[in-house]
Amino acid sequence: MTSIAAISAPARPRKLVGAGRRQWIGLLYVAPAVALVVVFFIIPLGMTAWMSLHNWPLMGAHSFIGLDNYWAILRDTRFWNALRFTGYYTVIVTIAIFVVAFPLALFIERPRPLTGFYRTSFFMPAVIGFASASLLWSWLLNVDSGLFSPAAFELGLTEKKVNLLATFQPAFWSIIAMVVWKVAGFTMIILMTGLQSIPPDLQEAAMIDGAGPLARFRAITLPLMRRTLALALILSVAGSVLAFDQFYIILRGGPRNQTLTAVYWIFNQSFVSFKLGYGAALSMVLLVILVALSLIQLRLLRQPEGVD
């Protein structure tokens, strides 16, 4: 009996050593990802918060001013106008993206002839960077050497070449069209994965019970796609709130500064006026707004308890 106990006694320390070794191996696997998050997110975020508390010119010494930059934001009417326009743009472009992406996802979700071709064609614009897409559409919208206005004139649709970027409404809706063309394919793929995760048995059972397409869509498809919709909505809203490239490259904030977005104003204050501390404070405010919007969306689209 004693010999058996003596032999089995070291088993527990050996198990503890093995568990500890596995923990260290796990930490080694995670370390690169943690390092990337710390170096490219945590440290820059801390530096931005620190800069926001200073008068930080591009050249020369910086000085600590506490919350003065944040008090200045309350009086910055240009920033609040830019934020108001950003909210308006976010609502319109998000609705437009989903109106286009959802029917496309329903169309390509089921196997049919040329399904692979359709999926690739619809998704292809998403591969192009926003800067490249903006340069392309800047040429397409050019009143003299572009495509849309000269083509409309040559086809007799307009009496003269119309500058689509000269007034707010045509310029704004041109940007909406460009973003939908660029992003709808990406949102389509996300929604398609959600559609494919719905068990076919549920749809078939509903059809046997006499439920029509709209009833099945409302009672089965939408509830089971809550998580997918939340992901697509958060990505769309976050991208829209942070919109910059298309407004900078195509419109330069025009016409008459009517298309200044929040990020455009931050860029202007930081790298045109060289007020880096104030730009950092604006960035922190925009970050808080973006986090709040994401939390609200997650709460509204939260999966009901008991539903997997």
Protein backbone atom coordinates (compact mmCIF):
# COMPACT_ATOMS: atom_id res chain seq x y z
CA MET A 1 0.00 0.00 0.00
CA THR A 2 2.81 2.35 0.89
CA SER A 3 4.67 1.59 -2.31
CA ILE A 4 1.60 2.37 -4.42
CA ALA A 5 1.13 5.74 -2.66
CA ALA A 6 4.81 6.53 -3.09
CA ILE A 7 4.67 5.75 -6.77
CA SER A 8 1.46 7.74 -7.40
CA ALA A 9 2.49 10.77 -5.27
CA PRO A 10 4.50 12.63 -7.96
CA ALA A 11 1.59 12.36 -10.43
CA ARG A 12 -0.16 15.52 -9.19
CA PRO A 13 2.91 17.83 -9.37
CA ARG A 14 3.62 16.44 -12.84
CA LYS A 15 0.06 17.37 -13.92
CA LEU A 16 0.49 20.85 -12.50
CA VAL A 17 3.76 21.29 -14.38
CA GLY A 18 2.09 20.12 -17.59
CA ALA A 19 -0.80 22.55 -17.12
CA GLY A 20 1.59 25.40 -16.42
CA ARG A 21 3.59 24.55 -19.53
CA ARG A 22 0.42 24.58 -21.65
CA GLN A 23 -0.54 27.99 -20.23
CA TRP A 24 2.84 29.44 -21.18
CA ILE A 25 2.58 27.95 -24.66
CA GLY A 26 -0.87 29.50 -25.01
CA LEU A 27 0.49 32.88 -23.92
CA LEU A 28 3.26 32.60 -26.51
CA TYR A 29 0.68 32.00 -29.24
CA VAL A 30 -1.38 34.99 -28.10
CA ALA A 31 1.62 37.30 -27.55
CA PRO A 32 1.96 38.52 -31.19
CA ALA A 33 -1.71 39.53 -31.34
CA VAL A 34 -1.48 41.22 -27.94
CA ALA A 35 1.66 43.07 -29.03
CA LEU A 36 -0.08 44.33 -32.17
CA VAL A 37 -3.07 45.57 -30.16
CA VAL A 38 -0.81 47.30 -27.62
CA VAL A 39 1.51 48.89 -30.18
CA PHE A 40 -1.09 49.93 -32.76
CA PHE A 41 -4.13 50.66 -30.56
CA ILE A 42 -3.51 51.01 -26.82
CA ILE A 43 -0.37 53.15 -27.05
CA PRO A 44 -1.70 55.45 -29.84
CA LEU A 45 -4.98 55.84 -27.95
CA GLY A 46 -3.12 56.81 -24.78
CA MET A 47 -0.92 59.26 -26.71
CA THR A 48 -3.98 60.81 -28.36
CA ALA A 49 -5.69 61.26 -24.98
CA TRP A 50 -2.50 62.82 -23.60
CA MET A 51 -2.13 65.16 -26.58
CA SER A 52 -5.74 66.29 -26.21
CA LEU A 53 -4.84 67.83 -22.86
CA HIS A 54 -2.11 70.00 -24.39
CA ASN A 55 -1.64 72.92 -26.71
CA TRP A 56 0.43 70.85 -29.16
CA PRO A 57 1.60 72.75 -32.24
CA LEU A 58 3.34 70.96 -35.08
CA MET A 59 6.53 72.90 -34.39
CA GLY A 60 7.73 74.13 -31.02
CA ALA A 61 7.12 73.11 -27.43
CA HIS A 62 3.75 71.91 -26.19
CA SER A 63 2.10 73.07 -22.98
CA PHE A 64 -0.44 71.45 -20.67
CA ILE A 65 -3.85 73.18 -20.81
CA GLY A 66 -6.10 70.58 -19.16
CA LEU A 67 -9.61 70.42 -20.58
CA ASP A 68 -9.42 73.67 -22.54
CA ASN A 69 -9.50 71.84 -25.89
CA TYR A 70 -12.70 70.09 -24.87
CA TRP A 71 -14.29 73.38 -23.78
CA ALA A 72 -13.31 74.81 -27.16
CA ILE A 73 -15.14 71.97 -28.91
CA LEU A 74 -18.41 73.10 -27.30
CA ARG A 75 -17.99 76.47 -29.07
CA ASP A 76 -16.82 75.01 -32.38
CA THR A 77 -19.88 75.43 -34.62
CA ARG A 78 -18.00 74.07 -37.65
CA PHE A 79 -17.39 70.78 -35.86
CA TRP A 80 -21.02 70.41 -34.81
CA ASN A 81 -22.17 71.25 -38.34
CA ALA A 82 -19.74 68.63 -39.66
CA LEU A 83 -21.02 66.12 -37.09
CA ARG A 84 -24.62 66.89 -38.08
CA PHE A 85 -23.81 66.33 -41.75
CA THR A 86 -21.95 63.12 -40.86
CA GLY A 87 -25.04 61.82 -39.04
CA TYR A 88 -27.27 62.69 -42.00
CA TYR A 89 -24.87 60.99 -44.42
CA THR A 90 -24.58 57.92 -42.16
CA VAL A 91 -28.34 57.39 -42.01
CA ILE A 92 -28.86 57.82 -45.77
CA VAL A 93 -25.91 55.73 -46.93
CA THR A 94 -26.57 52.90 -44.43
CA ILE A 95 -30.19 52.58 -45.59
CA ALA A 96 -29.08 52.70 -49.23
CA ILE A 97 -26.43 50.00 -48.69
CA PHE A 98 -28.89 47.61 -47.03
CA VAL A 99 -31.60 48.29 -49.63
CA VAL A 100 -29.16 47.17 -52.33
CA ALA A 101 -27.21 44.50 -50.42
CA PHE A 102 -30.12 42.50 -48.98
CA PRO A 103 -31.83 41.73 -52.33
CA LEU A 104 -28.44 40.84 -53.79
CA ALA A 105 -27.79 38.48 -50.87
CA LEU A 106 -31.17 36.83 -51.38
CA PHE A 107 -30.41 36.50 -55.10
CA ILE A 108 -27.00 34.85 -54.76
CA GLU A 109 -27.73 32.80 -51.63
CA ARG A 110 -29.32 29.90 -53.49
CA PRO A 111 -27.40 27.87 -56.09
CA ARG A 112 -28.34 28.85 -59.62
CA PRO A 113 -26.55 29.10 -62.98
CA LEU A 114 -23.65 31.59 -62.90
CA THR A 115 -23.94 32.07 -59.12
CA GLY A 116 -20.15 32.21 -58.78
CA PHE A 117 -19.96 34.85 -61.50
CA TYR A 118 -22.64 36.98 -59.84
CA ARG A 119 -20.99 36.74 -56.42
CA THR A 120 -17.60 37.72 -57.82
CA SER A 121 -19.00 40.58 -59.90
CA PHE A 122 -21.03 42.08 -57.07
CA PHE A 123 -18.16 41.75 -54.59
CA MET A 124 -15.37 43.00 -56.86
CA PRO A 125 -15.77 46.77 -56.12
CA ALA A 126 -15.17 46.03 -52.42
CA VAL A 127 -11.62 44.98 -53.26
CA ILE A 128 -10.80 48.48 -54.50
CA GLY A 129 -9.54 50.91 -51.87
CA PHE A 130 -11.66 53.96 -51.06
CA ALA A 131 -8.96 56.32 -52.33
CA SER A 132 -8.73 54.50 -55.67
CA ALA A 133 -12.52 54.33 -55.98
CA SER A 134 -12.75 58.04 -55.20
CA LEU A 135 -10.21 58.87 -57.91
CA LEU A 136 -12.16 56.74 -60.38
CA TRP A 137 -15.46 58.43 -59.58
CA SER A 138 -13.80 61.84 -59.59
CA TRP A 139 -13.06 61.21 -63.27
CA LEU A 140 -16.52 59.71 -63.95
CA LEU A 141 -18.20 62.82 -62.46
CA ASN A 142 -15.98 65.34 -64.26
CA VAL A 143 -18.16 67.72 -66.26
CA ASP A 144 -15.83 67.89 -69.29
CA SER A 145 -13.73 64.73 -69.50
CA GLY A 146 -15.84 62.36 -67.40
CA LEU A 147 -18.48 59.83 -68.35
CA PHE A 148 -21.85 60.66 -66.78
CA SER A 149 -22.39 64.29 -67.75
CA PRO A 150 -20.96 64.12 -71.31
CA ALA A 151 -22.86 60.86 -71.96
CA ALA A 152 -26.15 62.37 -70.77
CA PHE A 153 -25.54 65.37 -73.03
CA GLU A 154 -24.67 63.24 -76.07
CA LEU A 155 -27.77 61.07 -75.56
CA GLY A 156 -29.98 64.17 -75.41
CA LEU A 157 -30.97 63.64 -71.78
CA THR A 158 -29.74 67.12 -70.84
CA GLU A 159 -29.56 70.37 -72.81
CA LYS A 160 -25.96 70.99 -71.70
CA LYS A 161 -23.24 69.31 -69.72
CA VAL A 162 -24.26 69.42 -66.06
CA ASN A 163 -21.65 69.74 -63.35
CA LEU A 164 -22.85 67.20 -60.81
CA LEU A 165 -20.43 68.48 -58.18
CA ALA A 166 -21.42 72.18 -58.33
CA THR A 167 -24.41 72.05 -55.97
CA PHE A 168 -25.09 70.11 -52.80
CA GLN A 169 -27.86 67.68 -53.80
CA PRO A 170 -26.27 66.22 -56.97
CA ALA A 171 -22.86 66.10 -55.28
CA PHE A 172 -24.23 64.39 -52.17
CA TRP A 173 -26.18 61.75 -54.10
CA SER A 174 -23.19 61.13 -56.35
CA ILE A 175 -21.17 60.27 -53.24
CA ILE A 176 -23.99 58.02 -52.01
CA ALA A 177 -23.99 56.20 -55.36
CA MET A 178 -20.22 55.73 -55.24
CA VAL A 179 -20.25 54.36 -51.68
CA VAL A 180 -23.14 51.97 -52.40
CA TRP A 181 -21.32 50.71 -55.51
CA LYS A 182 -18.16 50.26 -53.44
CA VAL A 183 -19.58 48.73 -50.22
CA ALA A 184 -22.82 46.92 -51.10
CA GLY A 185 -20.96 43.82 -52.31
CA PHE A 186 -19.12 43.45 -49.01
CA THR A 187 -22.34 43.83 -47.01
CA MET A 188 -23.99 41.36 -49.40
CA ILE A 189 -21.43 38.66 -48.51
CA ILE A 190 -22.00 39.20 -44.77
CA LEU A 191 -25.77 38.95 -45.19
CA MET A 192 -25.41 35.90 -47.43
CA THR A 193 -23.53 34.03 -44.70
CA GLY A 194 -26.37 34.81 -42.30
CA LEU A 195 -28.95 33.55 -44.78
CA GLN A 196 -27.01 30.33 -45.35
CA SER A 197 -26.86 29.67 -41.59
CA ILE A 198 -30.67 29.42 -41.36
CA PRO A 199 -31.74 25.74 -41.28
CA PRO A 200 -33.71 24.88 -44.47
CA ASP A 201 -36.04 22.71 -42.36
CA LEU A 202 -37.55 25.81 -40.76
CA GLN A 203 -38.35 27.37 -44.14
CA GLU A 204 -39.83 24.10 -45.42
CA ALA A 205 -41.97 23.65 -42.30
CA ALA A 206 -43.26 27.21 -42.64
CA MET A 207 -44.10 26.61 -46.30
CA ILE A 208 -46.01 23.45 -45.40
CA ASP A 209 -47.97 25.47 -42.83
CA GLY A 210 -48.92 27.89 -45.59
CA ALA A 211 -46.66 30.83 -44.71
CA GLY A 212 -45.92 33.09 -47.67
CA PRO A 213 -42.52 34.60 -48.57
CA LEU A 214 -43.11 37.81 -46.62
CA ALA A 215 -44.36 35.96 -43.56
CA ARG A 216 -41.33 33.63 -43.62
CA PHE A 217 -39.00 36.58 -44.06
CA ARG A 218 -40.54 38.44 -41.10
CA ALA A 219 -40.95 35.46 -38.75
CA ILE A 220 -37.90 33.34 -39.60
CA THR A 221 -35.26 35.13 -41.65
CA LEU A 222 -35.00 38.43 -39.78
CA PRO A 223 -35.08 36.98 -36.21
CA LEU A 224 -32.42 34.38 -37.03
CA MET A 225 -30.19 36.99 -38.68
CA ARG A 226 -29.97 39.34 -35.69
CA ARG A 227 -26.26 38.72 -35.12
CA THR A 228 -25.43 39.01 -38.82
CA LEU A 229 -27.46 42.20 -39.13
CA ALA A 230 -25.76 43.62 -36.04
CA LEU A 231 -22.32 42.95 -37.54
CA ALA A 232 -23.21 44.43 -40.93
CA LEU A 233 -24.90 47.45 -39.34
CA ILE A 234 -21.99 48.22 -36.99
CA LEU A 235 -19.47 47.97 -39.83
CA SER A 236 -21.60 50.20 -42.07
CA VAL A 237 -22.25 52.84 -39.41
CA ALA A 238 -18.64 52.90 -38.23
CA GLY A 239 -17.35 53.26 -41.78
CA SER A 240 -19.84 56.04 -42.51
CA VAL A 241 -19.04 57.99 -39.33
CA LEU A 242 -15.34 57.81 -40.25
CA ALA A 243 -15.95 58.82 -43.90
CA PHE A 244 -13.15 60.95 -45.30
CA ASP A 245 -11.54 59.77 -48.57
CA GLN A 246 -14.50 60.30 -50.89
CA PHE A 247 -15.33 63.76 -49.54
CA TYR A 248 -11.69 64.86 -49.58
CA ILE A 249 -10.74 63.51 -53.02
CA ILE A 250 -13.96 64.17 -54.94
CA LEU A 251 -15.48 67.23 -53.26
CA ARG A 252 -12.75 68.79 -51.09
CA GLY A 253 -15.52 69.58 -48.61
CA GLY A 254 -17.48 71.52 -51.22
CA PRO A 255 -19.63 72.92 -52.50
CA ARG A 256 -19.26 75.81 -50.01
CA ASN A 257 -18.09 73.51 -47.18
CA GLN A 258 -21.47 71.77 -47.13
CA THR A 259 -19.94 68.27 -47.21
CA LEU A 260 -17.43 68.61 -44.38
CA THR A 261 -17.50 65.40 -42.33
CA ALA A 262 -16.30 65.06 -38.75
CA VAL A 263 -13.07 63.29 -39.80
CA TYR A 264 -12.49 65.90 -42.51
CA TRP A 265 -12.70 68.65 -39.88
CA ILE A 266 -10.31 66.74 -37.61
CA PHE A 267 -7.88 66.44 -40.53
CA ASN A 268 -8.26 70.16 -41.25
CA GLN A 269 -7.53 71.17 -37.68
CA SER A 270 -4.63 68.75 -37.24
CA PHE A 271 -2.77 68.95 -40.55
CA VAL A 272 -3.91 72.22 -42.13
CA SER A 273 -4.16 74.47 -39.07
CA PHE A 274 -1.47 72.36 -37.27
CA LYS A 275 -3.43 72.29 -34.00
CA LEU A 276 -2.56 68.71 -33.10
CA GLY A 277 -3.82 68.94 -29.51
CA TYR A 278 -7.20 70.22 -30.59
CA GLY A 279 -7.39 67.60 -33.33
CA ALA A 280 -6.64 64.91 -30.74
CA ALA A 281 -9.47 66.20 -28.54
CA LEU A 282 -11.86 66.09 -31.52
CA SER A 283 -10.72 62.51 -32.20
CA MET A 284 -11.46 61.46 -28.62
CA VAL A 285 -14.95 62.97 -28.80
CA LEU A 286 -15.63 61.16 -32.07
CA LEU A 287 -14.36 57.90 -30.53
CA VAL A 288 -16.81 58.23 -27.63
CA ILE A 289 -19.66 58.90 -30.07
CA LEU A 290 -18.71 55.89 -32.20
CA VAL A 291 -18.49 53.55 -29.18
CA ALA A 292 -21.88 54.80 -27.92
CA LEU A 293 -23.48 54.19 -31.33
CA SER A 294 -22.03 50.68 -31.49
CA LEU A 295 -23.33 49.83 -28.00
CA ILE A 296 -26.80 51.13 -28.90
CA GLN A 297 -26.86 49.02 -32.06
CA LEU A 298 -25.73 45.91 -30.18
CA ARG A 299 -28.45 46.44 -27.58
CA LEU A 300 -31.19 46.98 -30.18
CA LEU A 301 -30.14 43.91 -32.18
CA ARG A 302 -29.28 41.76 -29.16
CA GLN A 303 -30.16 38.10 -29.55
CA PRO A 304 -33.20 37.22 -27.40
CA GLU A 305 -32.44 35.02 -24.42
CA GLY A 306 -32.82 31.33 -25.12
CA VAL A 307 -32.16 31.73 -28.87
CA ASP A 308 -28.84 30.38 -30.15
